[in-house]
Amino acid sequence: MITGLAHTAVCVPDVDAAVRWYETVLGLRVLSPPYRMEGDAISCDMGELVPAPVVVKAAIVGNAVGDHVLEVIEYPEAPAPPTADSSVTDPSVTNVGLTQTGLTHVGLVCDDVEATRRDLEVHDVEFLTAGIADVAGVRTTWFRDPWGVVFILVEKRHADRPYWRQHRP
C-alpha cells in the first residue's frame, strides 16, 4: 500500500546552478548536496528509462528533513535532457491544462503569498499570473523557474489543516 508522497523530481540541465537558485531565490535548504550516481545500481534502477550509460546527478532541496522534498536531477550523459510531458503553460494546447497529462506543476506552501511574491520578484522570477487568487480556501499565485518548471505558491487560511482541506468549514 502507498503510505505517503515522497518527492517531486525536476529535471534541469545543471544541478549545481539549479540548487543555487532554489536555495538563494526560493529559500529552500540543501538537504543532500549534488552527487553523481553511475554504475550497476543506477543502471538497474533506471536503465530502461535513460539511455546508456546511465548517469544521474541529483540533489535534494526542501524545508526540513523528510519525504516532502524536491529532487533536482540532471542526466549529464544523456544526448538530450528529458523534458516534462506537459505543463499548464504549454502554448500548443487550446484549453491549457484541460487536455494535458503528466506533471503540470509543483505546489509550495508559504505563510504570506503577497510577501513571498514580492521577495521572488526582487530576483526577477517570472510570474505567470498578474496577481493573487483566492480559491478553494487558499490564496495562490503561479511562477516558473529558469528551467521552465511551473510552481504554485499556496497560502493556507488554516495553518492546522493540510492545504487540500482549507475550503472545508
C-alpha atoms as a PDB file:
ATOM      1  CA  MET A   1       0.000   0.000   0.000  1.00  0.00           C
ATOM      2  CA  ILE A   2       1.040   3.580  -0.594  1.00  0.00           C
ATOM      3  CA  THR A   3       1.746   5.262   2.740  1.00  0.00           C
ATOM      4  CA  GLY A   4       2.655   8.779   1.583  1.00  0.00           C
ATOM      5  CA  LEU A   5       4.149  11.015  -1.064  1.00  0.00           C
ATOM      6  CA  ALA A   6       7.924  11.072  -1.193  1.00  0.00           C
ATOM      7  CA  HIS A   7       9.208  13.740  -3.552  1.00  0.00           C
ATOM      8  CA  THR A   8       8.749  15.597  -6.785  1.00  0.00           C
ATOM      9  CA  ALA A   9      11.678  15.413  -9.190  1.00  0.00           C
ATOM     10  CA  VAL A  10      12.507  18.181 -11.630  1.00  0.00           C
ATOM     11  CA  CYS A  11      14.966  17.713 -14.473  1.00  0.00           C
ATOM     12  CA  VAL A  12      17.373  20.577 -15.128  1.00  0.00           C
ATOM     13  CA  PRO A  13      20.411  20.964 -17.391  1.00  0.00           C
ATOM     14  CA  ASP A  14      22.717  21.960 -14.493  1.00  0.00           C
ATOM     15  CA  VAL A  15      22.024  20.623 -10.980  1.00  0.00           C
ATOM     16  CA  ASP A  16      24.587  22.887  -9.307  1.00  0.00           C
ATOM     17  CA  ALA A  17      23.053  26.045 -10.821  1.00  0.00           C
ATOM     18  CA  ALA A  18      19.531  24.863 -10.024  1.00  0.00           C
ATOM     19  CA  VAL A  19      20.381  24.063  -6.409  1.00  0.00           C
ATOM     20  CA  ARG A  20      21.896  27.545  -6.007  1.00  0.00           C
ATOM     21  CA  TRP A  21      18.717  29.096  -7.489  1.00  0.00           C
ATOM     22  CA  TYR A  22      16.312  27.060  -5.343  1.00  0.00           C
ATOM     23  CA  GLU A  23      18.393  27.894  -2.258  1.00  0.00           C
ATOM     24  CA  THR A  24      19.015  31.584  -2.995  1.00  0.00           C
ATOM     25  CA  VAL A  25      15.719  32.571  -4.601  1.00  0.00           C
ATOM     26  CA  LEU A  26      13.171  30.208  -3.033  1.00  0.00           C
ATOM     27  CA  GLY A  27      14.938  29.871   0.312  1.00  0.00           C
ATOM     28  CA  LEU A  28      14.908  26.073   0.235  1.00  0.00           C
ATOM     29  CA  ARG A  29      17.603  24.250   2.204  1.00  0.00           C
ATOM     30  CA  VAL A  30      20.041  21.881   0.573  1.00  0.00           C
ATOM     31  CA  LEU A  31      19.260  18.624   2.362  1.00  0.00           C
ATOM     32  CA  SER A  32      21.517  16.480   0.190  1.00  0.00           C
ATOM     33  CA  PRO A  33      24.114  18.314  -1.913  1.00  0.00           C
ATOM     34  CA  PRO A  34      24.626  17.384  -5.559  1.00  0.00           C
ATOM     35  CA  TYR A  35      26.020  13.895  -6.043  1.00  0.00           C
ATOM     36  CA  ARG A  36      26.678  11.711  -9.072  1.00  0.00           C
ATOM     37  CA  MET A  37      25.343   8.165  -9.450  1.00  0.00           C
ATOM     38  CA  GLU A  38      26.630   5.730 -12.046  1.00  0.00           C
ATOM     39  CA  GLY A  39      27.302   2.033 -12.283  1.00  0.00           C
ATOM     40  CA  ASP A  40      25.306  -1.137 -11.853  1.00  0.00           C
ATOM     41  CA  ALA A  41      22.897   0.062  -9.154  1.00  0.00           C
ATOM     42  CA  ILE A  42      21.611   3.116 -11.037  1.00  0.00           C
ATOM     43  CA  SER A  43      21.633   1.173 -14.328  1.00  0.00           C
ATOM     44  CA  CYS A  44      19.426  -1.471 -12.689  1.00  0.00           C
ATOM     45  CA  ASP A  45      17.137   1.274 -11.355  1.00  0.00           C
ATOM     46  CA  MET A  46      16.802   3.469 -14.460  1.00  0.00           C
ATOM     47  CA  GLY A  47      18.473   1.573 -17.307  1.00  0.00           C
ATOM     48  CA  GLU A  48      15.185   1.098 -19.133  1.00  0.00           C
ATOM     49  CA  LEU A  49      14.318   4.807 -18.824  1.00  0.00           C
ATOM     50  CA  VAL A  50      17.579   6.610 -19.597  1.00  0.00           C
ATOM     51  CA  PRO A  51      19.971   5.859 -22.485  1.00  0.00           C
ATOM     52  CA  ALA A  52      23.239   4.116 -21.588  1.00  0.00           C
ATOM     53  CA  PRO A  53      25.481   4.914 -19.940  1.00  0.00           C
ATOM     54  CA  VAL A  54      23.082   5.735 -17.109  1.00  0.00           C
ATOM     55  CA  VAL A  55      24.495   8.642 -15.137  1.00  0.00           C
ATOM     56  CA  VAL A  56      22.390  10.768 -12.807  1.00  0.00           C
ATOM     57  CA  LYS A  57      23.467  13.854 -10.919  1.00  0.00           C
ATOM     58  CA  ALA A  58      20.965  14.734  -8.208  1.00  0.00           C
ATOM     59  CA  ALA A  59      20.389  16.838  -5.114  1.00  0.00           C
ATOM     60  CA  ILE A  60      17.584  17.157  -2.586  1.00  0.00           C
ATOM     61  CA  VAL A  61      16.204  20.533  -1.501  1.00  0.00           C
ATOM     62  CA  GLY A  62      13.367  21.317   0.874  1.00  0.00           C
ATOM     63  CA  ASN A  63      12.456  22.874   4.190  1.00  0.00           C
ATOM     64  CA  ALA A  64      13.089  20.021   6.590  1.00  0.00           C
ATOM     65  CA  VAL A  65      14.374  16.501   6.607  1.00  0.00           C
ATOM     66  CA  GLY A  66      11.566  14.267   5.426  1.00  0.00           C
ATOM     67  CA  ASP A  67       9.913  12.975   2.316  1.00  0.00           C
ATOM     68  CA  HIS A  68       8.228  16.193   1.152  1.00  0.00           C
ATOM     69  CA  VAL A  69      11.153  17.471  -0.894  1.00  0.00           C
ATOM     70  CA  LEU A  70      12.238  18.424  -4.395  1.00  0.00           C
ATOM     71  CA  GLU A  71      14.702  16.124  -6.074  1.00  0.00           C
ATOM     72  CA  VAL A  72      16.710  18.090  -8.623  1.00  0.00           C
ATOM     73  CA  ILE A  73      18.031  15.812 -11.380  1.00  0.00           C
ATOM     74  CA  GLU A  74      20.429  16.128 -14.284  1.00  0.00           C
ATOM     75  CA  TYR A  75      21.266  13.410 -16.827  1.00  0.00           C
ATOM     76  CA  PRO A  76      24.786  14.522 -17.831  1.00  0.00           C
ATOM     77  CA  GLU A  77      25.475  11.660 -20.265  1.00  0.00           C
ATOM     78  CA  ALA A  78      22.071  11.618 -21.993  1.00  0.00           C
ATOM     79  CA  PRO A  79      22.104  13.012 -25.557  1.00  0.00           C
ATOM     80  CA  ALA A  80      19.265  15.422 -24.778  1.00  0.00           C
ATOM     81  CA  PRO A  81      17.830  16.147 -21.356  1.00  0.00           C
ATOM     82  CA  PRO A  82      14.397  14.602 -20.791  1.00  0.00           C
ATOM     83  CA  THR A  83      11.584  17.117 -20.715  1.00  0.00           C
ATOM     84  CA  ALA A  84       8.264  17.110 -18.935  1.00  0.00           C
ATOM     85  CA  ASP A  85       5.353  15.667 -20.897  1.00  0.00           C
ATOM     86  CA  SER A  86       3.239  18.738 -20.299  1.00  0.00           C
ATOM     87  CA  SER A  87       2.749  21.902 -18.388  1.00  0.00           C
ATOM     88  CA  VAL A  88      -0.181  24.136 -17.609  1.00  0.00           C
ATOM     89  CA  THR A  89       1.613  26.723 -19.746  1.00  0.00           C
ATOM     90  CA  ASP A  90       2.002  24.599 -22.891  1.00  0.00           C
ATOM     91  CA  PRO A  91       1.052  27.016 -25.710  1.00  0.00           C
ATOM     92  CA  SER A  92       0.155  24.172 -28.081  1.00  0.00           C
ATOM     93  CA  VAL A  93      -2.934  23.328 -26.041  1.00  0.00           C
ATOM     94  CA  THR A  94      -6.069  25.387 -26.633  1.00  0.00           C
ATOM     95  CA  ASN A  95      -7.635  24.737 -23.236  1.00  0.00           C
ATOM     96  CA  VAL A  96      -4.471  24.943 -21.201  1.00  0.00           C
ATOM     97  CA  GLY A  97      -4.212  22.133 -18.687  1.00  0.00           C
ATOM     98  CA  LEU A  98      -7.525  20.516 -19.634  1.00  0.00           C
ATOM     99  CA  THR A  99      -6.239  18.047 -22.207  1.00  0.00           C
ATOM    100  CA  GLN A 100      -2.718  17.511 -20.890  1.00  0.00           C
ATOM    101  CA  THR A 101      -1.453  14.566 -18.903  1.00  0.00           C
ATOM    102  CA  GLY A 102       1.687  14.258 -16.813  1.00  0.00           C
ATOM    103  CA  LEU A 103       3.357  16.653 -14.378  1.00  0.00           C
ATOM    104  CA  THR A 104       1.879  20.146 -14.590  1.00  0.00           C
ATOM    105  CA  HIS A 105       3.268  21.981 -11.550  1.00  0.00           C
ATOM    106  CA  VAL A 106       4.768  21.802  -8.063  1.00  0.00           C
ATOM    107  CA  GLY A 107       2.918  23.328  -5.106  1.00  0.00           C
ATOM    108  CA  LEU A 108       4.837  25.263  -2.448  1.00  0.00           C
ATOM    109  CA  VAL A 109       3.252  26.393   0.816  1.00  0.00           C
ATOM    110  CA  CYS A 110       4.129  29.834   2.199  1.00  0.00           C
ATOM    111  CA  ASP A 111       2.907  31.888   5.166  1.00  0.00           C
ATOM    112  CA  ASP A 112       2.219  35.097   3.212  1.00  0.00           C
ATOM    113  CA  VAL A 113       1.723  34.818  -0.540  1.00  0.00           C
ATOM    114  CA  GLU A 114       1.959  38.581  -1.138  1.00  0.00           C
ATOM    115  CA  ALA A 115       5.245  38.946   0.752  1.00  0.00           C
ATOM    116  CA  THR A 116       6.677  35.814  -0.860  1.00  0.00           C
ATOM    117  CA  ARG A 117       5.734  37.069  -4.312  1.00  0.00           C
ATOM    118  CA  ARG A 118       7.417  40.422  -3.611  1.00  0.00           C
ATOM    119  CA  ASP A 119      10.557  38.616  -2.417  1.00  0.00           C
ATOM    120  CA  LEU A 120      10.657  36.495  -5.578  1.00  0.00           C
ATOM    121  CA  GLU A 121      10.044  39.494  -7.848  1.00  0.00           C
ATOM    122  CA  VAL A 122      13.261  41.026  -6.475  1.00  0.00           C
ATOM    123  CA  HIS A 123      15.042  38.024  -8.022  1.00  0.00           C
ATOM    124  CA  ASP A 124      13.313  38.594 -11.398  1.00  0.00           C
ATOM    125  CA  VAL A 125      11.229  35.435 -11.060  1.00  0.00           C
ATOM    126  CA  GLU A 126       8.822  35.091 -13.984  1.00  0.00           C
ATOM    127  CA  PHE A 127       5.260  35.119 -12.655  1.00  0.00           C
ATOM    128  CA  LEU A 128       2.587  33.522 -14.813  1.00  0.00           C
ATOM    129  CA  THR A 129      -0.371  35.277 -13.207  1.00  0.00           C
ATOM    130  CA  ALA A 130      -0.868  39.004 -12.798  1.00  0.00           C
ATOM    131  CA  GLY A 131      -1.886  38.815  -9.172  1.00  0.00           C
ATOM    132  CA  ILE A 132      -3.049  36.632  -6.329  1.00  0.00           C
ATOM    133  CA  ALA A 133      -6.161  34.459  -6.486  1.00  0.00           C
ATOM    134  CA  ASP A 134      -8.439  33.425  -3.662  1.00  0.00           C
ATOM    135  CA  VAL A 135      -9.717  29.934  -4.458  1.00  0.00           C
ATOM    136  CA  ALA A 136     -10.841  26.844  -2.507  1.00  0.00           C
ATOM    137  CA  GLY A 137      -9.852  28.402   0.808  1.00  0.00           C
ATOM    138  CA  VAL A 138      -6.281  29.266  -0.198  1.00  0.00           C
ATOM    139  CA  ARG A 139      -4.522  32.237  -1.773  1.00  0.00           C
ATOM    140  CA  THR A 140      -2.360  31.423  -4.792  1.00  0.00           C
ATOM    141  CA  THR A 141      -0.024  32.799  -7.430  1.00  0.00           C
ATOM    142  CA  TRP A 142       1.936  30.990 -10.141  1.00  0.00           C
ATOM    143  CA  PHE A 143       5.543  31.289 -11.361  1.00  0.00           C
ATOM    144  CA  ARG A 144       8.167  29.484 -13.421  1.00  0.00           C
ATOM    145  CA  ASP A 145      11.765  28.684 -12.528  1.00  0.00           C
ATOM    146  CA  PRO A 146      14.589  29.398 -15.020  1.00  0.00           C
ATOM    147  CA  TRP A 147      14.228  25.865 -16.453  1.00  0.00           C
ATOM    148  CA  GLY A 148      10.512  26.111 -17.165  1.00  0.00           C
ATOM    149  CA  VAL A 149       9.204  24.177 -14.159  1.00  0.00           C
ATOM    150  CA  VAL A 150       5.877  25.682 -13.073  1.00  0.00           C
ATOM    151  CA  PHE A 151       5.203  26.310  -9.367  1.00  0.00           C
ATOM    152  CA  ILE A 152       2.139  27.495  -7.451  1.00  0.00           C
ATOM    153  CA  LEU A 153       2.568  29.348  -4.176  1.00  0.00           C
ATOM    154  CA  VAL A 154      -0.169  28.424  -1.704  1.00  0.00           C
ATOM    155  CA  GLU A 155      -1.040  30.400   1.441  1.00  0.00           C
ATOM    156  CA  LYS A 156      -3.277  28.428   3.779  1.00  0.00           C
ATOM    157  CA  ARG A 157      -6.011  30.154   5.811  1.00  0.00           C
ATOM    158  CA  HIS A 158      -5.921  27.439   8.470  1.00  0.00           C
ATOM    159  CA  ALA A 159      -2.338  26.515   9.390  1.00  0.00           C
ATOM    160  CA  ASP A 160      -3.517  23.412  11.264  1.00  0.00           C
ATOM    161  CA  ARG A 161      -5.093  21.851   8.146  1.00  0.00           C
ATOM    162  CA  PRO A 162      -3.485  20.388   5.024  1.00  0.00           C
ATOM    163  CA  TYR A 163      -3.799  22.694   2.025  1.00  0.00           C
ATOM    164  CA  TRP A 164      -6.392  20.426   0.388  1.00  0.00           C
ATOM    165  CA  ARG A 165      -8.732  20.792   3.397  1.00  0.00           C
ATOM    166  CA  GLN A 166      -8.696  24.576   3.535  1.00  0.00           C
ATOM    167  CA  HIS A 167     -12.090  25.043   1.870  1.00  0.00           C
ATOM    168  CA  ARG A 168     -13.983  22.905   4.381  1.00  0.00           C
ATOM    169  CA  PRO A 169     -15.645  24.517   7.413  1.00  0.00           C
END
